[in-house]
Amino acid sequence: MSKLRIVFIASLVLLAVLLIFTVFKPITSQEKFSTISRESIIQGEDEWVIQLGITNREGKNTDYTINWSTGGETYNSKTVHIRSEQGFTDIHHVYPETVKEGKLTLEIYKDDEPAPFEQSTYYIQFAEQ
């Protein structure tokens, strides 16, 4: 049997073993943390819509504060209570008069912690009218 054939068969066996581990024993982390599970940005005719999902993986019910700011000023803030292992979807509409300097900032805090666990900046432009 040639060396190439042996390497090919060995790589197929290794691939099969990895696939079996992936399907039957996925690697999971035992750490508890919150995540942004999905994020969608849609540009409309005269607005932008930002949709994001927060999943609570803390192992306990947790309060989250969602802050939207522009030009250094918070213009929209809300606190939501998310049960353990549950999710929340936030839909935020952005209008031309809202955005200063073409930049919008999102910060999400959990349980009154001083630093956000998620921070994003969106650069938004509107068509000239």
Protein backbone atom coordinates (compact mmCIF):
# COMPACT_ATOMS: atom_id res chain seq x y z
CA MET A 1 0.00 0.00 0.00
CA SER A 2 1.40 3.41 -0.88
CA LYS A 3 2.12 6.11 1.70
CA LEU A 4 -0.43 8.41 0.08
CA ARG A 5 -3.18 5.83 0.47
CA ILE A 6 -2.25 5.25 4.14
CA VAL A 7 -2.32 9.02 4.85
CA PHE A 8 -5.68 9.31 3.07
CA ILE A 9 -7.24 6.47 5.10
CA ALA A 10 -5.80 7.84 8.35
CA SER A 11 -7.24 11.29 7.63
CA LEU A 12 -10.66 9.78 6.91
CA VAL A 13 -10.57 7.88 10.21
CA LEU A 14 -9.54 11.04 12.07
CA LEU A 15 -12.32 13.00 10.38
CA ALA A 16 -14.87 10.34 11.35
CA VAL A 17 -13.72 10.40 14.98
CA LEU A 18 -13.97 14.20 15.11
CA LEU A 19 -17.46 14.13 13.61
CA ILE A 20 -18.59 11.54 16.14
CA PHE A 21 -17.30 13.67 19.03
CA THR A 22 -18.97 16.75 17.57
CA VAL A 23 -22.36 15.07 17.28
CA PHE A 24 -22.41 12.94 20.43
CA LYS A 25 -20.22 14.87 22.82
CA PRO A 26 -20.08 18.56 21.95
CA ILE A 27 -17.58 20.66 23.81
CA THR A 28 -19.46 22.87 26.25
CA SER A 29 -18.31 25.48 28.67
CA GLN A 30 -19.45 25.27 32.26
CA GLU A 31 -19.13 29.04 32.67
CA LYS A 32 -22.27 31.10 33.16
CA PHE A 33 -22.51 34.27 31.10
CA SER A 34 -24.93 36.42 29.16
CA THR A 35 -24.75 36.70 25.41
CA ILE A 36 -26.08 38.70 22.53
CA SER A 37 -27.67 35.84 20.66
CA ARG A 38 -28.49 37.60 17.42
CA GLU A 39 -28.33 41.02 15.89
CA SER A 40 -30.08 42.42 12.82
CA ILE A 41 -29.76 45.85 11.26
CA ILE A 42 -32.33 46.88 8.69
CA GLN A 43 -32.22 50.10 6.71
CA GLY A 44 -35.65 51.48 5.94
CA GLU A 45 -36.64 54.41 3.79
CA ASP A 46 -36.56 56.96 6.62
CA GLU A 47 -35.34 54.93 9.59
CA TRP A 48 -32.97 52.17 10.71
CA VAL A 49 -34.21 49.26 12.79
CA ILE A 50 -31.77 47.46 15.09
CA GLN A 51 -32.93 44.19 16.59
CA LEU A 52 -30.88 42.28 19.11
CA GLY A 53 -31.49 39.31 21.36
CA ILE A 54 -30.09 38.88 24.85
CA THR A 55 -29.84 35.38 26.30
CA ASN A 56 -29.43 34.99 30.06
CA ARG A 57 -26.99 32.18 30.80
CA GLU A 58 -26.13 33.42 34.29
CA GLY A 59 -27.93 30.55 36.06
CA LYS A 60 -30.20 33.03 37.88
CA ASN A 61 -32.80 35.66 37.02
CA THR A 62 -30.99 38.86 36.01
CA ASP A 63 -31.86 42.50 35.32
CA TYR A 64 -30.31 44.08 32.23
CA THR A 65 -30.13 47.78 31.43
CA ILE A 66 -30.01 48.69 27.72
CA ASN A 67 -28.69 52.19 26.96
CA TRP A 68 -28.74 53.84 23.54
CA SER A 69 -26.70 57.03 23.21
CA THR A 70 -25.48 59.43 20.57
CA GLY A 71 -23.19 62.43 20.84
CA GLY A 72 -22.28 61.37 24.38
CA GLU A 73 -25.89 61.62 25.61
CA THR A 74 -28.15 58.68 26.51
CA TYR A 75 -31.50 59.20 24.79
CA ASN A 76 -33.12 55.81 25.42
CA SER A 77 -32.69 53.52 28.40
CA LYS A 78 -34.68 50.55 29.62
CA THR A 79 -34.28 47.86 32.23
CA VAL A 80 -35.56 44.35 31.52
CA HIS A 81 -35.77 41.31 33.78
CA ILE A 82 -34.77 38.08 32.04
CA ARG A 83 -35.29 34.74 33.71
CA SER A 84 -32.50 32.18 33.82
CA GLU A 85 -31.88 30.45 30.47
CA GLN A 86 -34.46 32.69 28.76
CA GLY A 87 -34.09 35.41 26.15
CA PHE A 88 -35.32 38.90 25.35
CA THR A 89 -35.56 40.65 21.98
CA ASP A 90 -35.11 44.43 21.81
CA ILE A 91 -36.23 46.29 18.69
CA HIS A 92 -34.89 49.84 18.45
CA HIS A 93 -35.96 52.36 15.78
CA VAL A 94 -33.45 55.03 14.80
CA TYR A 95 -34.67 58.20 13.08
CA PRO A 96 -32.60 60.95 11.40
CA GLU A 97 -33.26 63.50 14.15
CA THR A 98 -31.98 61.01 16.75
CA VAL A 99 -28.46 60.43 15.44
CA LYS A 100 -25.73 62.99 16.12
CA GLU A 101 -22.43 62.81 14.21
CA GLY A 102 -23.64 59.65 12.39
CA LYS A 103 -22.78 57.46 15.37
CA LEU A 104 -24.98 55.48 17.76
CA THR A 105 -23.72 53.58 20.82
CA LEU A 106 -25.31 50.61 22.56
CA GLU A 107 -24.31 49.56 26.07
CA ILE A 108 -25.84 46.66 27.98
CA TYR A 109 -25.27 46.31 31.71
CA LYS A 110 -26.33 43.47 33.99
CA ASP A 111 -27.42 43.70 37.64
CA ASP A 112 -26.09 47.23 38.16
CA GLU A 113 -22.49 46.28 37.33
CA PRO A 114 -20.35 49.36 36.65
CA ALA A 115 -19.02 48.17 33.27
CA PRO A 116 -21.15 47.01 30.34
CA PHE A 117 -20.86 43.37 29.33
CA GLU A 118 -21.65 44.40 25.73
CA GLN A 119 -20.82 47.63 23.93
CA SER A 120 -21.34 48.34 20.23
CA THR A 121 -21.04 51.38 18.01
CA TYR A 122 -23.18 51.76 14.89
CA TYR A 123 -22.26 54.21 12.14
CA ILE A 124 -25.53 55.26 10.56
CA GLN A 125 -26.13 57.45 7.55
CA PHE A 126 -29.44 58.62 6.20
CA ALA A 127 -30.13 59.50 2.57
CA GLU A 128 -30.22 63.23 1.89
CA GLN A 129 -33.78 64.46 1.50
